[in-house]
Every structure is written in structure tokens, then in C-alpha cells.
N, C-alpha and C. Protein backbone atom coordinates (compact mmCIF):
# COMPACT_ATOMS: atom_id res chain seq x y z
N MET A 1 -81.54 45.55 74.08
CA MET A 1 -82.79 45.32 74.74
C MET A 1 -83.29 46.59 75.40
N ALA A 2 -82.38 47.32 76.02
CA ALA A 2 -82.79 48.55 76.71
C ALA A 2 -83.31 49.57 75.70
N ILE A 3 -82.67 49.65 74.56
CA ILE A 3 -83.11 50.60 73.53
C ILE A 3 -84.49 50.19 73.02
N HIS A 4 -84.68 48.90 72.79
CA HIS A 4 -85.98 48.41 72.34
C HIS A 4 -87.06 48.76 73.36
N SER A 5 -86.79 48.49 74.61
CA SER A 5 -87.75 48.79 75.68
C SER A 5 -88.03 50.28 75.77
N PHE A 6 -86.99 51.09 75.64
CA PHE A 6 -87.15 52.53 75.75
C PHE A 6 -88.03 53.08 74.63
N TYR A 7 -87.77 52.65 73.40
CA TYR A 7 -88.49 53.21 72.26
C TYR A 7 -89.86 52.58 72.01
N TYR A 8 -90.01 51.30 72.38
CA TYR A 8 -91.25 50.62 72.03
C TYR A 8 -92.10 50.22 73.22
N GLY A 9 -91.66 50.50 74.40
CA GLY A 9 -92.40 50.09 75.59
C GLY A 9 -92.97 51.25 76.35
N TRP A 10 -93.70 50.90 77.38
CA TRP A 10 -94.36 51.90 78.23
C TRP A 10 -93.49 52.31 79.41
N ASN A 11 -92.53 51.48 79.78
CA ASN A 11 -91.73 51.74 80.98
C ASN A 11 -90.26 52.03 80.68
N GLY A 12 -89.99 52.44 79.48
CA GLY A 12 -88.62 52.70 79.07
C GLY A 12 -87.92 53.75 79.90
N ASP A 13 -88.65 54.78 80.28
CA ASP A 13 -88.05 55.85 81.09
C ASP A 13 -87.59 55.31 82.44
N ARG A 14 -88.40 54.44 83.03
CA ARG A 14 -88.04 53.85 84.34
C ARG A 14 -86.83 52.94 84.18
N LEU A 15 -86.77 52.21 83.09
CA LEU A 15 -85.62 51.34 82.84
C LEU A 15 -84.34 52.16 82.74
N VAL A 16 -84.38 53.24 81.99
CA VAL A 16 -83.20 54.10 81.86
C VAL A 16 -82.82 54.68 83.21
N GLU A 17 -83.80 55.07 84.00
CA GLU A 17 -83.54 55.61 85.34
C GLU A 17 -82.79 54.58 86.19
N ILE A 18 -83.23 53.33 86.16
CA ILE A 18 -82.57 52.28 86.94
C ILE A 18 -81.16 52.03 86.42
N LEU A 19 -81.02 51.96 85.11
CA LEU A 19 -79.69 51.71 84.53
C LEU A 19 -78.72 52.84 84.84
N ASP A 20 -79.20 54.06 84.85
CA ASP A 20 -78.35 55.21 85.16
C ASP A 20 -77.86 55.21 86.60
N MET A 21 -78.55 54.49 87.47
CA MET A 21 -78.14 54.41 88.87
C MET A 21 -76.88 53.56 89.06
N HIS A 22 -76.58 52.69 88.11
CA HIS A 22 -75.45 51.75 88.25
C HIS A 22 -75.56 51.01 89.58
N THR A 23 -76.76 50.56 89.88
CA THR A 23 -77.05 49.97 91.17
C THR A 23 -76.70 48.48 91.23
N THR A 24 -76.50 48.00 92.43
CA THR A 24 -76.36 46.57 92.68
C THR A 24 -77.53 46.07 93.53
N ASP A 25 -78.50 46.94 93.77
CA ASP A 25 -79.69 46.60 94.54
C ASP A 25 -80.50 45.57 93.76
N GLU A 26 -80.64 44.39 94.34
CA GLU A 26 -81.32 43.29 93.65
C GLU A 26 -82.78 43.61 93.33
N LYS A 27 -83.44 44.35 94.19
CA LYS A 27 -84.83 44.71 93.94
C LYS A 27 -84.95 45.58 92.69
N LEU A 28 -84.06 46.54 92.55
CA LEU A 28 -84.08 47.41 91.37
C LEU A 28 -83.67 46.64 90.12
N LEU A 29 -82.69 45.76 90.24
CA LEU A 29 -82.27 44.97 89.09
C LEU A 29 -83.39 44.04 88.63
N LYS A 30 -84.11 43.47 89.59
CA LYS A 30 -85.26 42.62 89.23
C LYS A 30 -86.33 43.45 88.53
N GLU A 31 -86.53 44.66 89.01
CA GLU A 31 -87.51 45.55 88.36
C GLU A 31 -87.10 45.82 86.91
N ALA A 32 -85.81 46.05 86.69
CA ALA A 32 -85.32 46.29 85.33
C ALA A 32 -85.55 45.07 84.44
N VAL A 33 -85.26 43.89 84.95
CA VAL A 33 -85.48 42.66 84.18
C VAL A 33 -86.97 42.47 83.92
N ASP A 34 -87.80 42.77 84.90
CA ASP A 34 -89.24 42.65 84.72
C ASP A 34 -89.74 43.61 83.63
N ILE A 35 -89.17 44.79 83.58
CA ILE A 35 -89.53 45.75 82.53
C ILE A 35 -89.14 45.19 81.18
N LEU A 36 -87.93 44.65 81.07
CA LEU A 36 -87.48 44.07 79.80
C LEU A 36 -88.38 42.92 79.37
N ASN A 37 -88.81 42.11 80.33
CA ASN A 37 -89.71 41.00 80.01
C ASN A 37 -91.09 41.51 79.60
N SER A 38 -91.62 42.46 80.33
CA SER A 38 -92.97 42.94 80.04
C SER A 38 -93.05 43.65 78.69
N GLU A 39 -91.98 44.27 78.29
CA GLU A 39 -91.94 44.96 77.00
C GLU A 39 -91.53 44.02 75.86
N GLU A 40 -91.29 42.75 76.18
CA GLU A 40 -90.85 41.72 75.24
C GLU A 40 -89.52 42.06 74.58
N SER A 41 -88.71 42.83 75.26
CA SER A 41 -87.40 43.21 74.73
C SER A 41 -86.43 42.04 74.73
N ILE A 42 -86.54 41.17 75.71
CA ILE A 42 -85.66 39.99 75.75
C ILE A 42 -86.00 39.07 74.59
N LYS A 43 -87.28 38.85 74.34
CA LYS A 43 -87.70 38.01 73.21
C LYS A 43 -87.23 38.64 71.90
N TYR A 44 -87.36 39.95 71.79
CA TYR A 44 -86.90 40.65 70.58
C TYR A 44 -85.41 40.40 70.35
N ALA A 45 -84.61 40.51 71.41
CA ALA A 45 -83.17 40.30 71.30
C ALA A 45 -82.85 38.85 70.94
N GLN A 46 -83.58 37.90 71.52
CA GLN A 46 -83.36 36.49 71.19
C GLN A 46 -83.71 36.22 69.73
N ASP A 47 -84.82 36.76 69.26
CA ASP A 47 -85.22 36.57 67.87
C ASP A 47 -84.22 37.19 66.91
N LEU A 48 -83.74 38.37 67.24
CA LEU A 48 -82.75 39.04 66.41
C LEU A 48 -81.44 38.26 66.38
N ALA A 49 -81.01 37.75 67.53
CA ALA A 49 -79.79 36.96 67.59
C ALA A 49 -79.93 35.68 66.78
N ALA A 50 -81.09 35.03 66.86
CA ALA A 50 -81.32 33.80 66.10
C ALA A 50 -81.28 34.07 64.60
N LYS A 51 -81.90 35.15 64.16
CA LYS A 51 -81.89 35.50 62.74
C LYS A 51 -80.47 35.84 62.27
N THR A 52 -79.76 36.60 63.08
CA THR A 52 -78.39 36.98 62.73
C THR A 52 -77.50 35.74 62.62
N MET A 53 -77.63 34.81 63.57
CA MET A 53 -76.83 33.60 63.55
C MET A 53 -77.19 32.74 62.34
N LYS A 54 -78.47 32.63 62.05
CA LYS A 54 -78.91 31.83 60.91
C LYS A 54 -78.33 32.40 59.60
N ASP A 55 -78.43 33.71 59.44
CA ASP A 55 -77.91 34.36 58.24
C ASP A 55 -76.39 34.21 58.15
N ALA A 56 -75.71 34.36 59.28
CA ALA A 56 -74.25 34.22 59.29
C ALA A 56 -73.84 32.80 58.96
N TRP A 57 -74.54 31.83 59.53
CA TRP A 57 -74.20 30.43 59.27
C TRP A 57 -74.37 30.10 57.79
N LYS A 58 -75.45 30.59 57.18
CA LYS A 58 -75.67 30.35 55.75
C LYS A 58 -74.53 30.90 54.90
N SER A 59 -74.01 32.04 55.31
CA SER A 59 -72.99 32.70 54.49
C SER A 59 -71.61 32.07 54.61
N PHE A 60 -71.28 31.44 55.76
CA PHE A 60 -69.92 30.91 55.87
C PHE A 60 -69.83 29.40 56.01
N GLU A 61 -70.95 28.68 56.14
CA GLU A 61 -70.86 27.23 56.31
C GLU A 61 -70.28 26.53 55.09
N LYS A 62 -70.49 27.11 53.91
CA LYS A 62 -69.98 26.50 52.68
C LYS A 62 -68.45 26.53 52.62
N PHE A 63 -67.83 27.38 53.41
CA PHE A 63 -66.37 27.46 53.42
C PHE A 63 -65.72 26.49 54.40
N LEU A 64 -66.53 25.88 55.26
CA LEU A 64 -66.01 24.94 56.25
C LEU A 64 -66.15 23.52 55.72
N PRO A 65 -65.13 22.72 55.88
CA PRO A 65 -65.24 21.33 55.42
C PRO A 65 -66.22 20.55 56.31
N ASP A 66 -66.89 19.58 55.71
CA ASP A 66 -67.79 18.73 56.49
C ASP A 66 -66.97 17.86 57.43
N CYS A 67 -67.18 18.07 58.73
CA CYS A 67 -66.46 17.30 59.74
C CYS A 67 -67.15 17.48 61.08
N ASP A 68 -66.69 16.76 62.07
CA ASP A 68 -67.28 16.85 63.40
C ASP A 68 -67.17 18.26 63.99
N ALA A 69 -66.05 18.92 63.72
CA ALA A 69 -65.84 20.26 64.26
C ALA A 69 -66.89 21.24 63.71
N LYS A 70 -67.24 21.08 62.44
CA LYS A 70 -68.25 21.94 61.84
C LYS A 70 -69.60 21.71 62.52
N GLU A 71 -69.94 20.48 62.73
CA GLU A 71 -71.20 20.15 63.41
C GLU A 71 -71.20 20.66 64.85
N ASP A 72 -70.06 20.52 65.52
CA ASP A 72 -69.94 21.02 66.90
C ASP A 72 -70.11 22.53 66.95
N LEU A 73 -69.51 23.23 66.01
CA LEU A 73 -69.62 24.69 65.96
C LEU A 73 -71.07 25.10 65.72
N HIS A 74 -71.74 24.40 64.82
CA HIS A 74 -73.13 24.71 64.54
C HIS A 74 -74.01 24.43 65.76
N SER A 75 -73.76 23.32 66.42
CA SER A 75 -74.51 22.99 67.64
C SER A 75 -74.28 24.01 68.74
N LEU A 76 -73.04 24.43 68.91
CA LEU A 76 -72.72 25.43 69.92
C LEU A 76 -73.43 26.75 69.62
N SER A 77 -73.41 27.17 68.38
CA SER A 77 -74.06 28.44 68.04
C SER A 77 -75.57 28.36 68.29
N LYS A 78 -76.19 27.24 67.97
CA LYS A 78 -77.63 27.09 68.24
C LYS A 78 -77.90 27.07 69.74
N TYR A 79 -77.05 26.39 70.49
CA TYR A 79 -77.22 26.34 71.95
C TYR A 79 -77.14 27.74 72.57
N LEU A 80 -76.16 28.53 72.14
CA LEU A 80 -75.98 29.86 72.71
C LEU A 80 -77.18 30.76 72.45
N ILE A 81 -77.87 30.55 71.35
CA ILE A 81 -79.05 31.35 71.01
C ILE A 81 -80.29 30.84 71.73
N GLN A 82 -80.44 29.52 71.83
CA GLN A 82 -81.68 28.94 72.33
C GLN A 82 -81.70 28.67 73.82
N ARG A 83 -80.61 28.80 74.50
CA ARG A 83 -80.57 28.47 75.94
C ARG A 83 -81.44 29.42 76.74
N ASP A 84 -81.90 28.91 77.87
CA ASP A 84 -82.67 29.74 78.79
C ASP A 84 -81.74 30.32 79.83
N LEU A 85 -81.86 31.61 80.05
CA LEU A 85 -81.01 32.27 81.05
C LEU A 85 -81.76 32.48 82.33
């Protein structure tokens, strides 16, 4: 997300500055998150994770037997991608 924001956003330099501080200051951390949101870097990461999971699931689901555990694994993977943080 930070790389996406740095290369494709307007405030990437400020984000790198905050990250380089290794700060625990909540105000600065909120600013960093706000930068990631404003540059749509979080959405980009979520979309990329969803695509990666979808592609991975297609490639290995055929090797898993049909059972409750397979459905649970698929549900868990979708939840981890779609949850709100």
C-alpha cells in the first residue's frame, strides 16, 4: 500500500516521512492511514488480494475433496479478504 501511495499518489513523500519516523504518535499514524485512504491504496490492496485469492482458489480447489472443511476454508479465505478493518 505504501509503495502504491508513493508512486501513484500526491502525498507519498509525506507517507514515507511518517513511516521513517517509526512513530507511535496516534496523530501521525492517523495521518498516514488518511493518506493511504485518500490515495485509494487500501482499496488497491484489497482488490489485489481478492484477485490473488480468487486465482489461487481456482488453481487448487480441484485438488481438495468436496467436504465441509473445503467449504470452511473457502469461506474463511473470502472473509479475510472482504472484512472491514
